[in-house]
Amino acid sequence: YNLLQLRPWCKVITNINETNDFNTYDYQKIIQLSDFENIQWDNVLNGKHNASSYIIRKGLSRKAQFALQIKRYLSKHKDSVLKKCIPYTLIIETWNAFDEIKLDFGRGTIASFDPLTVNNISLRTRLEWCLDDIKQEFESVNRLDWIWILKPSVTNKGIGITIIDSWNKLLDVTEESQDTREWVLQRYITNP
């Protein structure tokens, strides 16, 4: 924020409604830097403003968000060289093991457990329920001999990284780290 004020060509506006006072202003120079949900997209879509939410959103610094952005990019650019540079990655979220649990059994059958019922079910069982789709990926036939690396999404400097060689080890780590609800699970590349 202060660095922007040092630029003679940059005027910092803390209230986006102040831009209405610039009748002769070149609107292409207005860029909204904010959380994604706070950007006024009408002004962006009609060409009056540009926008960026990556600076604040941590879309490039949190491991899970970074992995998600790469996945989205690769879904649109299937021939990108990036596909060869990033190991197979799964994003693990354990929020449902701690909050109200809803299980979808397909064909419209949903089971819901309120917080009182949830507390009567072991954490290990709740983790198994909410990570069932990850387990299917993890134990897929073509991945049985893989070694995995499990990283908490919000840490840095290698804190909390664990080598995973079995599904039970993954459950052990997520069960022991109850404060961490978002993880990145990647194929461990022994000779990158």
N, C-alpha and C. Protein backbone atom coordinates (compact mmCIF):
# COMPACT_ATOMS: atom_id res chain seq x y z
N TYR A 1 0.83 -1.19 0.00
CA TYR A 1 0.00 0.00 0.00
C TYR A 1 0.87 1.24 0.00
N ASN A 2 1.82 1.38 0.91
CA ASN A 2 2.70 2.54 0.95
C ASN A 2 3.58 2.62 -0.28
N LEU A 3 4.03 1.48 -0.79
CA LEU A 3 4.85 1.48 -2.00
C LEU A 3 4.08 2.05 -3.19
N LEU A 4 2.79 1.74 -3.27
CA LEU A 4 1.99 2.28 -4.36
C LEU A 4 1.89 3.80 -4.28
N GLN A 5 1.84 4.34 -3.08
CA GLN A 5 1.73 5.79 -2.92
C GLN A 5 3.00 6.51 -3.37
N LEU A 6 4.13 5.82 -3.41
CA LEU A 6 5.38 6.43 -3.85
C LEU A 6 5.44 6.61 -5.36
N ARG A 7 4.59 5.95 -6.07
CA ARG A 7 4.58 6.06 -7.53
C ARG A 7 3.79 7.31 -7.94
N PRO A 8 4.40 8.22 -8.72
CA PRO A 8 3.69 9.45 -9.09
C PRO A 8 2.46 9.19 -9.97
N TRP A 9 2.46 8.07 -10.66
CA TRP A 9 1.35 7.76 -11.55
C TRP A 9 0.25 6.97 -10.85
N CYS A 10 0.43 6.72 -9.56
CA CYS A 10 -0.50 5.85 -8.85
C CYS A 10 -1.21 6.62 -7.74
N LYS A 11 -2.53 6.59 -7.77
CA LYS A 11 -3.32 7.17 -6.69
C LYS A 11 -4.04 6.03 -6.00
N VAL A 12 -3.82 5.89 -4.69
CA VAL A 12 -4.45 4.82 -3.93
C VAL A 12 -5.83 5.27 -3.51
N ILE A 13 -6.82 4.45 -3.83
CA ILE A 13 -8.22 4.74 -3.50
C ILE A 13 -8.69 3.64 -2.57
N THR A 14 -9.08 3.98 -1.38
CA THR A 14 -9.53 2.96 -0.43
C THR A 14 -11.01 2.67 -0.56
N ASN A 15 -11.76 3.56 -1.20
CA ASN A 15 -13.19 3.36 -1.41
C ASN A 15 -13.44 3.36 -2.91
N ILE A 16 -13.84 2.24 -3.44
CA ILE A 16 -14.01 2.10 -4.90
C ILE A 16 -15.01 3.09 -5.46
N ASN A 17 -15.93 3.58 -4.65
CA ASN A 17 -16.92 4.55 -5.13
C ASN A 17 -16.28 5.89 -5.46
N GLU A 18 -15.06 6.15 -4.96
CA GLU A 18 -14.36 7.39 -5.29
C GLU A 18 -14.04 7.47 -6.77
N THR A 19 -13.99 6.34 -7.47
CA THR A 19 -13.66 6.36 -8.90
C THR A 19 -14.72 7.05 -9.72
N ASN A 20 -15.92 7.19 -9.19
CA ASN A 20 -16.98 7.88 -9.93
C ASN A 20 -16.67 9.35 -10.12
N ASP A 21 -15.75 9.92 -9.33
CA ASP A 21 -15.39 11.32 -9.44
C ASP A 21 -14.43 11.59 -10.59
N PHE A 22 -13.87 10.55 -11.19
CA PHE A 22 -12.90 10.71 -12.26
C PHE A 22 -13.58 10.67 -13.62
N ASN A 23 -14.19 11.77 -14.04
CA ASN A 23 -14.90 11.78 -15.32
C ASN A 23 -13.94 11.68 -16.50
N THR A 24 -12.78 12.32 -16.39
CA THR A 24 -11.84 12.31 -17.51
C THR A 24 -10.69 11.34 -17.29
N TYR A 25 -10.78 10.57 -16.24
CA TYR A 25 -9.70 9.67 -15.88
C TYR A 25 -9.67 8.47 -16.81
N ASP A 26 -8.49 8.01 -17.13
CA ASP A 26 -8.32 6.82 -17.95
C ASP A 26 -8.61 5.58 -17.09
N TYR A 27 -9.79 5.01 -17.26
CA TYR A 27 -10.22 3.92 -16.39
C TYR A 27 -9.39 2.65 -16.56
N GLN A 28 -8.63 2.53 -17.65
CA GLN A 28 -7.80 1.35 -17.81
C GLN A 28 -6.67 1.31 -16.79
N LYS A 29 -6.41 2.42 -16.13
CA LYS A 29 -5.35 2.46 -15.14
C LYS A 29 -5.86 2.10 -13.74
N ILE A 30 -7.13 1.87 -13.58
CA ILE A 30 -7.66 1.50 -12.28
C ILE A 30 -7.61 -0.02 -12.15
N ILE A 31 -6.95 -0.47 -11.09
CA ILE A 31 -6.88 -1.90 -10.81
C ILE A 31 -7.34 -2.13 -9.38
N GLN A 32 -8.27 -3.02 -9.22
CA GLN A 32 -8.77 -3.37 -7.89
C GLN A 32 -7.91 -4.51 -7.35
N LEU A 33 -7.30 -4.27 -6.19
CA LEU A 33 -6.53 -5.29 -5.49
C LEU A 33 -7.28 -5.60 -4.22
N SER A 34 -7.93 -6.75 -4.21
CA SER A 34 -8.77 -7.08 -3.07
C SER A 34 -9.01 -8.58 -3.03
N ASP A 35 -9.63 -9.03 -1.95
CA ASP A 35 -10.08 -10.41 -1.91
C ASP A 35 -11.07 -10.62 -3.05
N PHE A 36 -11.08 -11.80 -3.61
CA PHE A 36 -11.91 -12.12 -4.77
C PHE A 36 -13.36 -11.69 -4.57
N GLU A 37 -13.91 -12.00 -3.39
CA GLU A 37 -15.33 -11.73 -3.15
C GLU A 37 -15.63 -10.24 -2.98
N ASN A 38 -14.59 -9.40 -2.79
CA ASN A 38 -14.81 -7.96 -2.61
C ASN A 38 -14.60 -7.15 -3.88
N ILE A 39 -14.13 -7.77 -4.93
CA ILE A 39 -13.92 -7.05 -6.18
C ILE A 39 -15.28 -6.73 -6.80
N GLN A 40 -15.42 -5.51 -7.27
CA GLN A 40 -16.66 -5.11 -7.94
C GLN A 40 -16.56 -5.53 -9.41
N TRP A 41 -17.10 -6.69 -9.67
CA TRP A 41 -16.93 -7.32 -10.97
C TRP A 41 -17.68 -6.60 -12.08
N ASP A 42 -18.72 -5.85 -11.78
CA ASP A 42 -19.42 -5.09 -12.83
C ASP A 42 -18.45 -4.13 -13.53
N ASN A 43 -17.63 -3.42 -12.76
CA ASN A 43 -16.66 -2.49 -13.35
C ASN A 43 -15.58 -3.21 -14.15
N VAL A 44 -15.22 -4.41 -13.70
CA VAL A 44 -14.21 -5.19 -14.41
C VAL A 44 -14.79 -5.71 -15.73
N LEU A 45 -15.99 -6.27 -15.66
CA LEU A 45 -16.59 -6.88 -16.85
C LEU A 45 -16.98 -5.86 -17.91
N ASN A 46 -17.30 -4.62 -17.48
CA ASN A 46 -17.64 -3.62 -18.50
C ASN A 46 -16.42 -2.84 -18.97
N GLY A 47 -15.22 -3.25 -18.52
CA GLY A 47 -13.98 -2.68 -19.04
C GLY A 47 -13.49 -1.43 -18.34
N LYS A 48 -14.15 -0.97 -17.30
CA LYS A 48 -13.71 0.25 -16.61
C LYS A 48 -12.51 -0.01 -15.69
N HIS A 49 -12.40 -1.22 -15.13
CA HIS A 49 -11.34 -1.55 -14.18
C HIS A 49 -10.68 -2.86 -14.57
N ASN A 50 -9.48 -3.04 -14.08
CA ASN A 50 -8.82 -4.33 -14.09
C ASN A 50 -8.85 -4.85 -12.67
N ALA A 51 -8.54 -6.11 -12.47
CA ALA A 51 -8.61 -6.66 -11.11
C ALA A 51 -7.56 -7.74 -10.91
N SER A 52 -7.13 -7.83 -9.67
CA SER A 52 -6.25 -8.92 -9.26
C SER A 52 -6.55 -9.25 -7.81
N SER A 53 -6.76 -10.52 -7.55
CA SER A 53 -6.99 -10.94 -6.18
C SER A 53 -5.88 -11.85 -5.68
N TYR A 54 -4.90 -12.18 -6.52
CA TYR A 54 -3.85 -13.10 -6.12
C TYR A 54 -2.96 -12.54 -5.02
N ILE A 55 -2.75 -11.24 -5.02
CA ILE A 55 -1.86 -10.65 -4.03
C ILE A 55 -2.36 -10.93 -2.62
N ILE A 56 -3.65 -10.82 -2.42
CA ILE A 56 -4.23 -10.97 -1.10
C ILE A 56 -4.79 -12.37 -0.90
N ARG A 57 -5.26 -12.98 -1.90
CA ARG A 57 -5.96 -14.25 -1.83
C ARG A 57 -5.07 -15.44 -1.50
N LYS A 58 -3.78 -15.26 -1.65
CA LYS A 58 -2.81 -16.32 -1.39
C LYS A 58 -2.97 -17.49 -2.36
N GLY A 59 -3.52 -17.21 -3.53
CA GLY A 59 -3.72 -18.24 -4.52
C GLY A 59 -2.43 -18.80 -5.08
N LEU A 60 -1.34 -18.09 -4.85
CA LEU A 60 -0.06 -18.59 -5.32
C LEU A 60 0.87 -18.99 -4.19
N SER A 61 0.48 -18.74 -2.96
CA SER A 61 1.39 -19.06 -1.86
C SER A 61 0.93 -20.22 -0.98
N ARG A 62 -0.34 -20.45 -0.87
CA ARG A 62 -0.80 -21.61 -0.11
C ARG A 62 -0.76 -22.83 -1.01
N LYS A 63 -0.22 -23.90 -0.49
CA LYS A 63 0.01 -25.09 -1.31
C LYS A 63 -1.25 -25.62 -1.97
N ALA A 64 -2.33 -25.72 -1.22
CA ALA A 64 -3.57 -26.27 -1.79
C ALA A 64 -4.16 -25.32 -2.84
N GLN A 65 -4.12 -24.02 -2.57
CA GLN A 65 -4.64 -23.06 -3.54
C GLN A 65 -3.79 -23.04 -4.80
N PHE A 66 -2.48 -23.14 -4.63
CA PHE A 66 -1.57 -23.19 -5.77
C PHE A 66 -1.86 -24.43 -6.62
N ALA A 67 -2.02 -25.58 -5.97
CA ALA A 67 -2.33 -26.81 -6.68
C ALA A 67 -3.65 -26.70 -7.43
N LEU A 68 -4.64 -26.05 -6.81
CA LEU A 68 -5.93 -25.85 -7.45
C LEU A 68 -5.80 -24.96 -8.68
N GLN A 69 -5.02 -23.87 -8.57
CA GLN A 69 -4.83 -22.98 -9.71
C GLN A 69 -4.13 -23.70 -10.87
N ILE A 70 -3.15 -24.53 -10.54
CA ILE A 70 -2.47 -25.30 -11.59
C ILE A 70 -3.45 -26.29 -12.24
N LYS A 71 -4.26 -26.95 -11.43
CA LYS A 71 -5.25 -27.89 -11.97
C LYS A 71 -6.22 -27.18 -12.92
N ARG A 72 -6.67 -26.00 -12.53
CA ARG A 72 -7.57 -25.23 -13.40
C ARG A 72 -6.89 -24.83 -14.70
N TYR A 73 -5.64 -24.38 -14.59
CA TYR A 73 -4.89 -23.98 -15.77
C TYR A 73 -4.72 -25.16 -16.73
N LEU A 74 -4.31 -26.31 -16.16
CA LEU A 74 -4.08 -27.48 -17.01
C LEU A 74 -5.37 -28.01 -17.63
N SER A 75 -6.50 -27.78 -17.00
CA SER A 75 -7.76 -28.22 -17.60
C SER A 75 -8.07 -27.42 -18.87
N LYS A 76 -7.52 -26.21 -18.96
CA LYS A 76 -7.74 -25.36 -20.14
C LYS A 76 -6.59 -25.45 -21.13
N HIS A 77 -5.42 -25.86 -20.66
CA HIS A 77 -4.22 -25.93 -21.49
C HIS A 77 -3.61 -27.32 -21.37
N LYS A 78 -4.25 -28.28 -21.97
CA LYS A 78 -3.90 -29.69 -21.80
C LYS A 78 -2.51 -30.05 -22.32
N ASP A 79 -1.98 -29.28 -23.25
CA ASP A 79 -0.67 -29.57 -23.82
C ASP A 79 0.45 -28.77 -23.15
N SER A 80 0.17 -28.11 -22.07
CA SER A 80 1.16 -27.27 -21.40
C SER A 80 2.32 -28.10 -20.85
N VAL A 81 3.52 -27.54 -20.94
CA VAL A 81 4.70 -28.19 -20.39
C VAL A 81 4.59 -28.30 -18.86
N LEU A 82 3.77 -27.47 -18.26
CA LEU A 82 3.56 -27.50 -16.82
C LEU A 82 3.07 -28.87 -16.35
N LYS A 83 2.34 -29.56 -17.23
CA LYS A 83 1.81 -30.89 -16.88
C LYS A 83 2.93 -31.87 -16.53
N LYS A 84 4.09 -31.72 -17.18
CA LYS A 84 5.22 -32.60 -16.94
C LYS A 84 6.04 -32.16 -15.72
N CYS A 85 5.83 -30.95 -15.25
CA CYS A 85 6.65 -30.39 -14.17
C CYS A 85 6.07 -30.57 -12.78
N ILE A 86 4.78 -30.83 -12.70
CA ILE A 86 4.10 -30.92 -11.41
C ILE A 86 3.74 -32.38 -11.14
N PRO A 87 4.13 -32.93 -9.99
CA PRO A 87 3.76 -34.32 -9.69
C PRO A 87 2.25 -34.45 -9.48
N TYR A 88 1.75 -35.66 -9.63
CA TYR A 88 0.33 -35.94 -9.41
C TYR A 88 -0.04 -35.42 -8.03
N THR A 89 -1.11 -34.62 -7.94
CA THR A 89 -1.45 -33.91 -6.72
C THR A 89 -2.92 -34.07 -6.38
N LEU A 90 -3.20 -34.31 -5.11
CA LEU A 90 -4.56 -34.34 -4.59
C LEU A 90 -4.67 -33.31 -3.47
N ILE A 91 -5.78 -32.62 -3.40
CA ILE A 91 -6.04 -31.68 -2.32
C ILE A 91 -6.95 -32.37 -1.31
N ILE A 92 -6.52 -32.38 -0.07
CA ILE A 92 -7.28 -33.05 0.99
C ILE A 92 -7.85 -32.01 1.93
N GLU A 93 -9.14 -32.09 2.14
CA GLU A 93 -9.80 -31.21 3.11
C GLU A 93 -10.48 -32.08 4.16
N THR A 94 -10.21 -31.79 5.42
CA THR A 94 -10.78 -32.60 6.50
C THR A 94 -11.84 -31.84 7.29
N TRP A 95 -12.33 -30.73 6.77
CA TRP A 95 -13.33 -29.92 7.48
C TRP A 95 -14.53 -30.76 7.89
N ASN A 96 -15.00 -31.61 7.00
CA ASN A 96 -16.21 -32.39 7.27
C ASN A 96 -16.05 -33.39 8.42
N ALA A 97 -14.83 -33.74 8.75
CA ALA A 97 -14.62 -34.67 9.86
C ALA A 97 -14.81 -33.96 11.20
N PHE A 98 -14.79 -32.64 11.19
CA PHE A 98 -14.86 -31.88 12.43
C PHE A 98 -16.19 -31.14 12.58
N ASP A 99 -16.84 -30.85 11.48
CA ASP A 99 -18.10 -30.12 11.49
C ASP A 99 -19.25 -31.09 11.25
N GLU A 100 -20.40 -30.55 10.92
CA GLU A 100 -21.55 -31.40 10.60
C GLU A 100 -21.20 -32.25 9.38
N ILE A 101 -21.46 -33.52 9.45
CA ILE A 101 -21.11 -34.44 8.37
C ILE A 101 -22.34 -34.73 7.52
N LYS A 102 -22.14 -34.63 6.20
CA LYS A 102 -23.16 -35.04 5.25
C LYS A 102 -22.51 -36.01 4.28
N LEU A 103 -23.07 -37.17 4.17
CA LEU A 103 -22.56 -38.19 3.26
C LEU A 103 -23.55 -38.39 2.12
N ASP A 104 -23.04 -38.38 0.91
CA ASP A 104 -23.86 -38.58 -0.27
C ASP A 104 -23.62 -40.00 -0.78
N PHE A 105 -24.64 -40.84 -0.67
CA PHE A 105 -24.53 -42.23 -1.11
C PHE A 105 -24.98 -42.41 -2.56
N GLY A 106 -25.28 -41.32 -3.22
CA GLY A 106 -25.73 -41.39 -4.61
C GLY A 106 -27.23 -41.60 -4.70
N ARG A 107 -27.77 -41.36 -5.88
CA ARG A 107 -29.19 -41.53 -6.16
C ARG A 107 -30.08 -40.75 -5.17
N GLY A 108 -29.56 -39.61 -4.71
CA GLY A 108 -30.35 -38.75 -3.83
C GLY A 108 -30.37 -39.16 -2.37
N THR A 109 -29.61 -40.17 -2.00
CA THR A 109 -29.58 -40.62 -0.61
C THR A 109 -28.47 -39.90 0.13
N ILE A 110 -28.84 -39.07 1.09
CA ILE A 110 -27.87 -38.29 1.86
C ILE A 110 -28.11 -38.55 3.34
N ALA A 111 -27.03 -38.82 4.06
CA ALA A 111 -27.10 -38.98 5.52
C ALA A 111 -26.46 -37.76 6.14
N SER A 112 -27.11 -37.19 7.12
CA SER A 112 -26.59 -36.01 7.80
C SER A 112 -26.46 -36.30 9.28
N PHE A 113 -25.35 -35.88 9.85
CA PHE A 113 -25.09 -36.09 11.27
C PHE A 113 -24.89 -34.73 11.92
N ASP A 114 -25.67 -34.42 12.91
CA ASP A 114 -25.53 -33.13 13.60
C ASP A 114 -24.29 -33.17 14.51
N PRO A 115 -23.84 -32.00 15.01
CA PRO A 115 -22.63 -31.96 15.83
C PRO A 115 -22.66 -32.88 17.06
N LEU A 116 -23.81 -33.07 17.69
CA LEU A 116 -23.87 -33.96 18.85
C LEU A 116 -23.61 -35.41 18.45
N THR A 117 -24.18 -35.83 17.34
CA THR A 117 -23.95 -37.19 16.86
C THR A 117 -22.52 -37.36 16.39
N VAL A 118 -21.98 -36.32 15.73
CA VAL A 118 -20.61 -36.37 15.23
C VAL A 118 -19.63 -36.64 16.36
N ASN A 119 -19.84 -36.00 17.48
CA ASN A 119 -18.91 -36.17 18.61
C ASN A 119 -18.93 -37.58 19.20
N ASN A 120 -19.96 -38.35 18.91
CA ASN A 120 -20.04 -39.72 19.40
C ASN A 120 -19.39 -40.73 18.46
N ILE A 121 -18.93 -40.25 17.31
CA ILE A 121 -18.28 -41.11 16.32
C ILE A 121 -16.78 -40.80 16.38
N SER A 122 -15.95 -41.80 16.36
CA SER A 122 -14.50 -41.56 16.48
C SER A 122 -14.00 -40.68 15.35
N LEU A 123 -12.98 -39.89 15.66
CA LEU A 123 -12.39 -39.02 14.65
C LEU A 123 -11.85 -39.83 13.49
N ARG A 124 -11.27 -40.95 13.75
CA ARG A 124 -10.71 -41.81 12.70
C ARG A 124 -11.80 -42.22 11.71
N THR A 125 -12.96 -42.61 12.23
CA THR A 125 -14.09 -43.01 11.38
C THR A 125 -14.58 -41.81 10.56
N ARG A 126 -14.67 -40.66 11.20
CA ARG A 126 -15.12 -39.45 10.47
C ARG A 126 -14.14 -39.08 9.38
N LEU A 127 -12.84 -39.21 9.65
CA LEU A 127 -11.83 -38.94 8.62
C LEU A 127 -11.97 -39.93 7.46
N GLU A 128 -12.18 -41.20 7.77
CA GLU A 128 -12.35 -42.20 6.72
C GLU A 128 -13.55 -41.86 5.84
N TRP A 129 -14.65 -41.40 6.45
CA TRP A 129 -15.83 -41.03 5.68
C TRP A 129 -15.55 -39.85 4.77
N CYS A 130 -14.95 -38.81 5.33
CA CYS A 130 -14.81 -37.59 4.52
C CYS A 130 -13.68 -37.71 3.50
N LEU A 131 -12.79 -38.68 3.66
CA LEU A 131 -11.68 -38.85 2.72
C LEU A 131 -11.85 -40.05 1.80
N ASP A 132 -13.05 -40.58 1.70
CA ASP A 132 -13.28 -41.77 0.90
C ASP A 132 -12.89 -41.58 -0.57
N ASP A 133 -13.18 -40.43 -1.16
CA ASP A 133 -12.82 -40.19 -2.56
C ASP A 133 -11.30 -40.11 -2.72
N ILE A 134 -10.60 -39.54 -1.73
CA ILE A 134 -9.14 -39.49 -1.77
C ILE A 134 -8.57 -40.91 -1.66
N LYS A 135 -9.18 -41.72 -0.82
CA LYS A 135 -8.72 -43.11 -0.65
C LYS A 135 -8.80 -43.87 -1.98
N GLN A 136 -9.87 -43.66 -2.73
CA GLN A 136 -10.02 -44.34 -4.01
C GLN A 136 -8.89 -43.94 -4.97
N GLU A 137 -8.53 -42.65 -4.97
CA GLU A 137 -7.41 -42.18 -5.81
C GLU A 137 -6.09 -42.77 -5.31
N PHE A 138 -5.92 -42.73 -4.00
CA PHE A 138 -4.69 -43.19 -3.36
C PHE A 138 -4.44 -44.67 -3.63
N GLU A 139 -5.48 -45.47 -3.57
CA GLU A 139 -5.35 -46.92 -3.72
C GLU A 139 -5.65 -47.41 -5.13
N SER A 140 -5.68 -46.50 -6.08
CA SER A 140 -5.89 -46.89 -7.47
C SER A 140 -4.79 -47.86 -7.90
N VAL A 141 -5.14 -48.80 -8.75
CA VAL A 141 -4.23 -49.88 -9.16
C VAL A 141 -2.90 -49.32 -9.69
N ASN A 142 -2.94 -48.28 -10.50
CA ASN A 142 -1.70 -47.77 -11.09
C ASN A 142 -0.90 -46.90 -10.11
N ARG A 143 -1.38 -46.75 -8.86
CA ARG A 143 -0.66 -45.95 -7.88
C ARG A 143 -0.27 -46.75 -6.63
N LEU A 144 -0.45 -48.04 -6.65
CA LEU A 144 -0.21 -48.87 -5.45
C LEU A 144 1.24 -48.83 -4.98
N ASP A 145 2.19 -48.69 -5.88
CA ASP A 145 3.60 -48.70 -5.47
C ASP A 145 4.18 -47.29 -5.28
N TRP A 146 3.34 -46.28 -5.35
CA TRP A 146 3.81 -44.90 -5.18
C TRP A 146 4.12 -44.61 -3.72
N ILE A 147 5.08 -43.73 -3.52
CA ILE A 147 5.33 -43.11 -2.24
C ILE A 147 4.76 -41.69 -2.38
N TRP A 148 4.16 -41.19 -1.32
CA TRP A 148 3.50 -39.89 -1.36
C TRP A 148 4.17 -38.95 -0.37
N ILE A 149 3.99 -37.66 -0.59
CA ILE A 149 4.44 -36.64 0.35
C ILE A 149 3.20 -35.83 0.73
N LEU A 150 2.97 -35.70 2.03
CA LEU A 150 1.80 -34.99 2.56
C LEU A 150 2.27 -33.69 3.18
N LYS A 151 1.67 -32.58 2.71
CA LYS A 151 2.09 -31.26 3.17
C LYS A 151 0.88 -30.49 3.71
N PRO A 152 1.00 -29.94 4.91
CA PRO A 152 -0.07 -29.05 5.38
C PRO A 152 -0.09 -27.81 4.49
N SER A 153 -1.26 -27.34 4.13
CA SER A 153 -1.37 -26.26 3.16
C SER A 153 -0.84 -24.93 3.67
N VAL A 154 -0.99 -24.64 4.94
CA VAL A 154 -0.70 -23.29 5.43
C VAL A 154 0.66 -23.15 6.12
N THR A 155 1.51 -24.15 6.09
CA THR A 155 2.82 -24.02 6.72
C THR A 155 3.87 -23.71 5.67
N ASN A 156 5.07 -23.37 6.14
CA ASN A 156 6.17 -23.13 5.23
C ASN A 156 7.46 -23.69 5.83
N LYS A 157 8.55 -23.57 5.10
CA LYS A 157 9.87 -24.04 5.55
C LYS A 157 9.90 -25.55 5.84
N GLY A 158 9.05 -26.30 5.19
CA GLY A 158 9.06 -27.76 5.34
C GLY A 158 8.42 -28.27 6.61
N ILE A 159 7.75 -27.38 7.35
CA ILE A 159 7.15 -27.79 8.62
C ILE A 159 5.95 -28.71 8.35
N GLY A 160 5.93 -29.84 9.02
CA GLY A 160 4.78 -30.74 8.95
C GLY A 160 4.74 -31.66 7.75
N ILE A 161 5.76 -31.66 6.92
CA ILE A 161 5.78 -32.53 5.74
C ILE A 161 6.08 -33.96 6.18
N THR A 162 5.32 -34.89 5.63
CA THR A 162 5.45 -36.30 6.00
C THR A 162 5.48 -37.17 4.75
N ILE A 163 6.33 -38.16 4.77
CA ILE A 163 6.36 -39.17 3.70
C ILE A 163 5.30 -40.21 4.04
N ILE A 164 4.44 -40.52 3.07
CA ILE A 164 3.31 -41.44 3.28
C ILE A 164 3.49 -42.65 2.37
N ASP A 165 3.43 -43.83 2.97
CA ASP A 165 3.53 -45.05 2.17
C ASP A 165 2.32 -45.96 2.33
N SER A 166 1.34 -45.52 3.14
CA SER A 166 0.13 -46.33 3.29
C SER A 166 -1.05 -45.43 3.65
N TRP A 167 -2.22 -45.92 3.38
CA TRP A 167 -3.43 -45.16 3.70
C TRP A 167 -3.55 -44.94 5.21
N ASN A 168 -3.21 -45.94 6.00
CA ASN A 168 -3.28 -45.81 7.46
C ASN A 168 -2.33 -44.73 7.97
N LYS A 169 -1.17 -44.60 7.35
CA LYS A 169 -0.23 -43.54 7.75
C LYS A 169 -0.83 -42.17 7.47
N LEU A 170 -1.49 -42.02 6.34
CA LEU A 170 -2.17 -40.75 6.03
C LEU A 170 -3.23 -40.43 7.08
N LEU A 171 -4.03 -41.42 7.43
CA LEU A 171 -5.05 -41.21 8.46
C LEU A 171 -4.42 -40.87 9.81
N ASP A 172 -3.31 -41.53 10.14
CA ASP A 172 -2.61 -41.24 11.40
C ASP A 172 -2.20 -39.77 11.45
N VAL A 173 -1.60 -39.28 10.39
CA VAL A 173 -1.10 -37.90 10.36
C VAL A 173 -2.24 -36.90 10.44
N THR A 174 -3.29 -37.11 9.67
CA THR A 174 -4.42 -36.16 9.70
C THR A 174 -5.16 -36.23 11.03
N GLU A 175 -5.18 -37.39 11.65
CA GLU A 175 -5.82 -37.52 12.96
C GLU A 175 -5.00 -36.82 14.04
N GLU A 176 -3.68 -36.92 13.96
CA GLU A 176 -2.80 -36.28 14.95
C GLU A 176 -2.77 -34.76 14.79
N SER A 177 -3.00 -34.26 13.59
CA SER A 177 -2.90 -32.82 13.30
C SER A 177 -4.29 -32.22 13.14
N GLN A 178 -5.03 -32.20 14.22
CA GLN A 178 -6.43 -31.75 14.15
C GLN A 178 -6.59 -30.26 13.84
N ASP A 179 -5.53 -29.47 14.06
CA ASP A 179 -5.62 -28.04 13.75
C ASP A 179 -5.46 -27.77 12.26
N THR A 180 -4.97 -28.73 11.52
CA THR A 180 -4.78 -28.56 10.08
C THR A 180 -5.94 -29.23 9.36
N ARG A 181 -6.62 -28.46 8.53
CA ARG A 181 -7.80 -28.99 7.83
C ARG A 181 -7.62 -29.08 6.32
N GLU A 182 -6.50 -28.58 5.83
CA GLU A 182 -6.27 -28.59 4.38
C GLU A 182 -4.84 -29.07 4.13
N TRP A 183 -4.72 -30.04 3.23
CA TRP A 183 -3.45 -30.69 2.94
C TRP A 183 -3.25 -30.82 1.44
N VAL A 184 -2.00 -30.98 1.05
CA VAL A 184 -1.68 -31.34 -0.33
C VAL A 184 -0.96 -32.68 -0.29
N LEU A 185 -1.46 -33.62 -1.05
CA LEU A 185 -0.86 -34.94 -1.15
C LEU A 185 -0.32 -35.08 -2.58
N GLN A 186 1.00 -35.28 -2.68
CA GLN A 186 1.62 -35.38 -4.00
C GLN A 186 2.44 -36.66 -4.10
N ARG A 187 2.51 -37.14 -5.33
CA ARG A 187 3.39 -38.28 -5.58
C ARG A 187 4.81 -37.82 -5.28
N TYR A 188 5.53 -38.63 -4.51
CA TYR A 188 6.90 -38.32 -4.17
C TYR A 188 7.79 -38.72 -5.35
N ILE A 189 8.54 -37.77 -5.87
CA ILE A 189 9.43 -38.03 -6.99
C ILE A 189 10.83 -38.29 -6.44
N THR A 190 11.31 -39.50 -6.56
CA THR A 190 12.60 -39.85 -5.94
C THR A 190 13.78 -39.26 -6.71
N ASN A 191 13.68 -39.19 -8.01
CA ASN A 191 14.74 -38.60 -8.84
C ASN A 191 14.15 -37.55 -9.77
N PRO A 192 13.93 -36.33 -9.23
CA PRO A 192 13.29 -35.29 -10.08
C PRO A 192 14.16 -34.85 -11.22
